Amino acid sequence: MPQNCAVVALAVSPDDEVTQAVVDLLQRAGVTVDSPTWVRVTGTASDDRAADVEGYNALTIPVETEDPAALRRALQPDPRRQSVPGVDLNVVEARWTEQSRRKLVVLDVDSTLIRQEVIELLAAHAGREAEVAEITERAMRGEIDFEQSLRERVAVLAGLSAEVIDDVAGAVRLSPGAQALVRTLLREGHAVAAVSGGFRQVLAPLAASLELTRWAANGLEVEDGQLTGRVGGPVVDRAAKAEIVAQWARELEIAPEDVLVVGDGANDVDMARAAGLSVAYRAKPALQDVADTQINIPNLDALRFFLDL
């Protein structure tokens, strides 16, 4: 039985040739396209917290399909490569646009909700940023165990004054469009959460300023005003992320199929697989290979078009 869906195309600045390439690909996939019209979202409209936020364009096409997953594969057979360069082509089931269904949107933090990797900002205070960045990259690609890599990276912070945490928290910058996205979701009555393999001392003030519904992260252990180089408590790894998201959904009485998660690396794979809809945001191949949808343009605000907001 045919299902109502939407094909959502996202691009920074599509020209006529790009638009025609999108139309041709959709038609080959059996999607009828009549006079496609892109909606332009300016940088200032998508975020007022940063002067350098780029605008973007979105194109939404209602479709009926017997198999949304098959249509996704037809539009992007290789999840690591855009079928039309510069354009994200996603298929979203109609239930995501039903405003009567309350959604839980869960965002990873480092390189997703925010632009930076907090552990690297902290490691810079110890003169070890390059070393830690290389370990982070390997962990995000799924080449090494996350917990092992986290403990190894945190160990280089031993002896630093705890005051560096405040310095780093002040240096953190939201990803383009993040503020607008969160505001829109909360205004429409949805729940918004952040779950991080990073650190609660940095996430807590950010979560408060954004008025997030829920948040969770690891803790940096502090003794006598100094970082010990250890993580306090259980590590929030990929399995823990999935468990935490499921717990939040139960607490908020939101069905698992109405949970949408956004991440960028291997540590987000488990929660992506468990979610009703998963989004790979400017992600590493480990997550691209399993996510339902992708946003590669540098603006989180584009996620609104998946929900028709």
Protein backbone atom coordinates (compact mmCIF):
# COMPACT_ATOMS: atom_id res chain seq x y z
CA MET A 1 0.00 0.00 0.00
CA PRO A 2 1.46 3.38 -1.00
CA GLN A 3 2.76 5.60 1.80
CA ASN A 4 2.72 9.38 1.82
CA CYS A 5 6.24 10.76 2.06
CA ALA A 6 8.20 13.84 1.19
CA VAL A 7 11.45 14.13 -0.69
CA VAL A 8 13.40 16.96 0.95
CA ALA A 9 16.30 18.41 -1.03
CA LEU A 10 18.77 20.71 0.70
CA ALA A 11 21.50 22.82 -0.90
CA VAL A 12 23.41 26.00 -0.14
CA SER A 13 23.01 27.76 -3.51
CA PRO A 14 21.49 25.53 -6.22
CA ASP A 15 21.59 26.89 -9.76
CA ASP A 16 19.44 25.88 -12.74
CA GLU A 17 21.77 23.02 -13.71
CA VAL A 18 21.68 21.59 -10.20
CA THR A 19 17.90 21.89 -10.07
CA GLN A 20 17.56 20.06 -13.38
CA ALA A 21 19.91 17.32 -12.19
CA VAL A 22 17.72 16.87 -9.09
CA VAL A 23 14.57 16.71 -11.24
CA ASP A 24 16.13 14.18 -13.61
CA LEU A 25 17.23 11.94 -10.72
CA LEU A 26 13.79 12.08 -9.10
CA GLN A 27 12.06 11.25 -12.36
CA ARG A 28 14.34 8.26 -12.90
CA ALA A 29 13.32 7.11 -9.42
CA GLY A 30 9.65 7.38 -10.38
CA VAL A 31 8.92 10.68 -8.64
CA THR A 32 6.79 13.19 -10.53
CA VAL A 33 8.13 16.74 -10.24
CA ASP A 34 6.12 19.75 -11.38
CA SER A 35 7.72 23.20 -11.34
CA PRO A 36 10.13 22.71 -8.41
CA THR A 37 10.47 25.79 -6.23
CA TRP A 38 13.26 26.18 -3.73
CA VAL A 39 12.61 27.97 -0.44
CA ARG A 40 15.48 30.28 0.52
CA VAL A 41 16.36 30.57 4.21
CA THR A 42 18.77 33.42 4.89
CA GLY A 43 21.57 33.15 7.41
CA THR A 44 20.03 35.74 9.71
CA ALA A 45 16.71 33.92 9.62
CA SER A 46 18.27 30.63 10.66
CA ASP A 47 20.35 31.91 13.58
CA ASP A 48 20.91 35.21 15.39
CA ARG A 49 23.80 33.95 17.52
CA ALA A 50 26.43 34.02 14.75
CA ALA A 51 27.23 36.48 12.00
CA ASP A 52 28.84 33.83 9.80
CA VAL A 53 25.85 31.49 9.45
CA GLU A 54 25.24 30.64 5.82
CA GLY A 55 21.79 30.59 4.31
CA TYR A 56 20.50 27.56 2.46
CA ASN A 57 17.75 26.38 0.12
CA ALA A 58 15.16 23.65 0.64
CA LEU A 59 12.88 21.89 -1.82
CA THR A 60 10.02 19.69 -0.55
CA ILE A 61 8.19 17.34 -2.92
CA PRO A 62 5.21 15.24 -1.72
CA VAL A 63 5.34 11.68 -3.05
CA GLU A 64 3.66 8.31 -2.65
CA THR A 65 5.82 5.22 -2.53
CA GLU A 66 5.37 1.56 -1.70
CA ASP A 67 8.80 1.41 -0.10
CA PRO A 68 10.38 4.56 1.41
CA ALA A 69 13.65 2.73 2.09
CA ALA A 70 13.90 1.65 -1.56
CA LEU A 71 13.27 5.23 -2.68
CA ARG A 72 16.05 6.41 -0.34
CA ARG A 73 18.44 3.92 -1.91
CA ALA A 74 17.42 5.00 -5.40
CA LEU A 75 18.12 8.63 -4.63
CA GLN A 76 21.40 7.94 -2.84
CA PRO A 77 22.70 4.45 -3.56
CA ASP A 78 26.07 5.30 -1.97
CA PRO A 79 25.48 6.89 1.47
CA ARG A 80 29.00 8.30 1.40
CA ARG A 81 28.50 10.25 -1.83
CA GLN A 82 25.81 12.72 -2.91
CA SER A 83 24.08 11.63 -6.12
CA VAL A 84 23.83 15.29 -7.11
CA PRO A 85 26.96 17.07 -5.82
CA GLY A 86 26.10 19.72 -3.26
CA VAL A 87 22.57 18.45 -2.69
CA ASP A 88 21.20 16.31 0.14
CA LEU A 89 18.25 14.20 -1.03
CA ASN A 90 16.19 12.69 1.78
CA VAL A 91 12.95 10.74 2.05
CA VAL A 92 10.83 11.44 5.12
CA GLU A 93 7.61 9.60 5.99
CA ALA A 94 4.50 11.78 6.34
CA ARG A 95 4.07 10.98 10.06
CA TRP A 96 7.02 13.29 10.79
CA THR A 97 4.95 16.22 9.55
CA GLU A 98 1.92 15.37 11.71
CA GLN A 99 1.96 18.22 14.21
CA SER A 100 -0.36 16.37 16.61
CA ARG A 101 2.40 13.81 17.27
CA ARG A 102 4.85 15.12 19.87
CA LYS A 103 8.43 14.36 18.88
CA LEU A 104 11.60 13.88 20.87
CA VAL A 105 14.58 15.31 18.97
CA VAL A 106 17.93 14.24 20.42
CA LEU A 107 21.17 15.89 19.34
CA ASP A 108 24.71 14.73 19.83
CA VAL A 109 26.80 17.64 21.12
CA ASP A 110 30.40 17.83 19.89
CA SER A 111 30.53 18.63 16.15
CA THR A 112 26.73 18.46 16.05
CA LEU A 113 24.98 20.84 18.45
CA ILE A 114 28.26 22.73 18.76
CA ARG A 115 31.00 23.32 16.22
CA GLN A 116 33.95 22.09 18.28
CA GLU A 117 35.18 18.99 20.08
CA VAL A 118 35.34 20.03 23.74
CA ILE A 119 38.06 17.54 24.64
CA GLU A 120 40.31 19.16 22.04
CA LEU A 121 39.66 22.63 23.46
CA LEU A 122 40.61 21.33 26.90
CA ALA A 123 43.68 19.52 25.58
CA ALA A 124 44.91 22.77 24.02
CA HIS A 125 45.44 24.09 27.56
CA ALA A 126 47.81 21.17 28.14
CA GLY A 127 49.59 21.67 24.80
CA ARG A 128 48.27 18.30 23.57
CA GLU A 129 45.52 19.37 21.14
CA ALA A 130 46.96 17.74 17.99
CA GLU A 131 47.54 14.43 19.75
CA VAL A 132 44.03 14.38 21.21
CA ALA A 133 42.44 15.48 17.91
CA GLU A 134 43.99 12.48 16.16
CA ILE A 135 42.56 10.08 18.76
CA THR A 136 39.15 11.79 18.52
CA GLU A 137 39.13 11.39 14.75
CA ARG A 138 39.88 7.68 15.01
CA ALA A 139 37.14 7.22 17.61
CA MET A 140 34.60 9.08 15.47
CA ARG A 141 35.44 6.83 12.55
CA GLY A 142 34.86 3.81 14.78
CA GLU A 143 38.43 2.59 14.50
CA ILE A 144 39.02 2.42 18.26
CA ASP A 145 36.81 1.81 21.29
CA PHE A 146 35.17 5.03 22.47
CA GLU A 147 35.55 4.46 26.22
CA GLN A 148 39.20 3.54 25.84
CA SER A 149 39.83 6.59 23.67
CA LEU A 150 37.96 8.90 26.07
CA ARG A 151 39.94 7.78 29.10
CA GLU A 152 43.17 8.13 27.12
CA ARG A 153 42.30 11.66 26.04
CA VAL A 154 41.08 12.78 29.47
CA ALA A 155 44.31 11.50 31.04
CA VAL A 156 46.29 14.26 29.32
CA LEU A 157 44.29 16.85 31.30
CA ALA A 158 45.65 15.72 34.67
CA GLY A 159 46.94 18.63 36.72
CA LEU A 160 45.17 21.38 34.82
CA SER A 161 43.31 23.94 36.88
CA ALA A 162 39.57 23.33 36.93
CA GLU A 163 39.22 26.95 35.78
CA VAL A 164 40.02 25.83 32.23
CA ILE A 165 36.56 24.25 32.10
CA ASP A 166 34.96 27.69 32.40
CA ASP A 167 37.34 29.04 29.74
CA VAL A 168 36.34 26.27 27.36
CA ALA A 169 32.63 26.62 28.12
CA GLY A 170 32.93 30.29 27.18
CA ALA A 171 34.67 29.41 23.90
CA VAL A 172 32.06 26.91 22.73
CA ARG A 173 30.04 28.01 19.70
CA LEU A 174 26.73 26.56 18.58
CA SER A 175 26.58 24.96 15.16
CA PRO A 176 25.00 27.13 12.46
CA GLY A 177 21.22 27.12 12.80
CA ALA A 178 21.22 25.23 16.11
CA GLN A 179 19.62 27.98 18.13
CA ALA A 180 16.84 28.52 15.57
CA LEU A 181 16.17 24.78 15.35
CA VAL A 182 15.88 24.30 19.11
CA ARG A 183 13.69 27.38 19.53
CA THR A 184 11.35 26.24 16.77
CA LEU A 185 11.00 22.70 18.10
CA LEU A 186 10.30 23.86 21.66
CA ARG A 187 7.83 26.50 20.48
CA GLU A 188 5.89 23.83 18.60
CA GLY A 189 5.64 21.68 21.72
CA HIS A 190 8.30 19.08 20.92
CA ALA A 191 10.95 17.85 23.35
CA VAL A 192 14.60 18.61 22.58
CA ALA A 193 17.50 16.84 24.26
CA ALA A 194 21.27 16.57 24.01
CA VAL A 195 23.35 13.51 24.83
CA SER A 196 27.12 13.72 24.78
CA GLY A 197 30.26 11.69 25.08
CA GLY A 198 31.70 15.02 26.21
CA PHE A 199 31.38 16.67 29.58
CA ARG A 200 28.50 17.84 31.73
CA GLN A 201 30.44 20.80 33.14
CA VAL A 202 30.41 22.32 29.63
CA LEU A 203 27.01 21.06 28.51
CA ALA A 204 25.09 22.17 31.62
CA PRO A 205 25.23 25.94 30.98
CA LEU A 206 24.57 25.42 27.29
CA ALA A 207 21.54 23.23 28.02
CA ALA A 208 20.22 25.84 30.42
CA SER A 209 20.60 28.67 27.92
CA LEU A 210 18.80 26.65 25.22
CA GLU A 211 16.15 25.42 27.70
CA LEU A 212 16.67 21.81 26.64
CA THR A 213 14.12 19.28 27.86
CA ARG A 214 16.77 16.72 28.83
CA TRP A 215 20.56 16.40 28.66
CA ALA A 216 23.28 13.95 29.68
CA ALA A 217 27.08 13.80 29.44
CA ASN A 218 30.20 12.48 31.13
CA GLY A 219 31.78 14.18 34.14
CA LEU A 220 35.34 15.41 34.52
CA GLU A 221 36.70 14.46 37.92
CA VAL A 222 38.05 17.40 39.94
CA GLU A 223 40.03 17.27 43.19
CA ASP A 224 41.52 20.24 45.05
CA GLY A 225 40.72 22.57 42.17
CA GLN A 226 42.52 20.46 39.57
CA LEU A 227 41.48 17.96 36.91
CA THR A 228 42.54 14.45 37.89
CA GLY A 229 42.68 13.13 34.34
CA ARG A 230 39.83 10.74 35.07
CA VAL A 231 36.18 10.50 34.09
CA GLY A 232 33.76 10.43 37.00
CA GLY A 233 31.06 7.75 36.85
CA PRO A 234 29.99 5.47 34.00
CA VAL A 235 31.06 6.57 30.52
CA VAL A 236 28.39 7.79 28.10
CA ASP A 237 29.40 5.65 25.11
CA ARG A 238 27.35 4.53 22.10
CA ALA A 239 25.39 1.90 24.04
CA ALA A 240 24.69 4.31 26.90
CA LYS A 241 23.49 6.96 24.46
CA ALA A 242 20.87 4.58 23.05
CA GLU A 243 19.76 3.56 26.56
CA ILE A 244 19.49 7.18 27.72
CA VAL A 245 17.42 8.17 24.69
CA ALA A 246 15.04 5.25 25.25
CA GLN A 247 14.70 6.24 28.92
CA TRP A 248 13.87 9.85 27.99
CA ALA A 249 11.21 8.69 25.54
CA ARG A 250 9.56 6.61 28.27
CA GLU A 251 9.70 9.48 30.77
CA LEU A 252 8.19 11.92 28.28
CA GLU A 253 5.63 9.37 27.05
CA ILE A 254 6.82 9.67 23.48
CA ALA A 255 6.61 6.61 21.26
CA PRO A 256 9.94 5.18 20.01
CA GLU A 257 8.84 5.77 16.43
CA ASP A 258 8.53 9.51 17.22
CA VAL A 259 12.15 9.82 18.35
CA LEU A 260 14.49 11.61 15.95
CA VAL A 261 18.23 11.58 16.60
CA VAL A 262 21.02 13.64 15.05
CA GLY A 263 24.71 12.81 15.26
CA ASP A 264 27.99 12.79 13.39
CA GLY A 265 30.07 9.76 14.32
CA ALA A 266 30.43 6.14 15.34
CA ASN A 267 29.40 6.91 18.92
CA ASP A 268 25.93 7.79 17.58
CA VAL A 269 25.32 4.57 15.65
CA ASP A 270 23.37 2.68 18.33
CA MET A 271 20.91 5.49 19.02
CA ALA A 272 20.53 6.02 15.26
CA ARG A 273 19.57 2.40 14.76
CA ALA A 274 17.00 2.56 17.57
CA ALA A 275 15.38 5.84 16.51
CA GLY A 276 12.27 6.37 14.44
CA LEU A 277 14.33 8.64 12.18
CA SER A 278 18.09 9.17 12.23
CA VAL A 279 20.04 12.04 10.73
CA ALA A 280 23.75 12.08 9.92
CA TYR A 281 24.88 15.71 10.25
CA ARG A 282 28.11 16.38 8.33
CA ALA A 283 28.98 12.92 9.53
CA LYS A 284 31.72 10.34 9.35
CA PRO A 285 31.12 7.26 7.13
CA ALA A 286 30.41 5.06 10.17
CA LEU A 287 27.17 6.97 10.76
CA GLN A 288 26.41 7.79 7.13
CA ASP A 289 26.23 4.06 6.43
CA VAL A 290 23.36 3.49 8.91
CA ALA A 291 21.46 6.80 9.13
CA ASP A 292 18.09 7.22 7.41
CA THR A 293 18.83 10.76 6.26
CA GLN A 294 21.72 13.19 5.90
CA ILE A 295 22.35 16.91 6.24
CA ASN A 296 25.70 17.87 4.78
CA ILE A 297 25.02 21.57 4.33
CA PRO A 298 26.43 23.57 7.28
CA ASN A 299 23.13 24.47 8.92
CA LEU A 300 21.21 22.42 11.51
CA ASP A 301 18.16 24.60 10.98
CA ALA A 302 17.49 22.61 7.79
CA LEU A 303 16.18 19.78 9.97
CA ARG A 304 12.96 21.82 10.33
CA PHE A 305 12.01 20.83 6.79
CA PHE A 306 11.91 17.16 7.80
CA LEU A 307 9.13 18.12 10.24
CA ASP A 308 7.42 20.72 8.03
CA LEU A 309 8.12 23.49 10.55
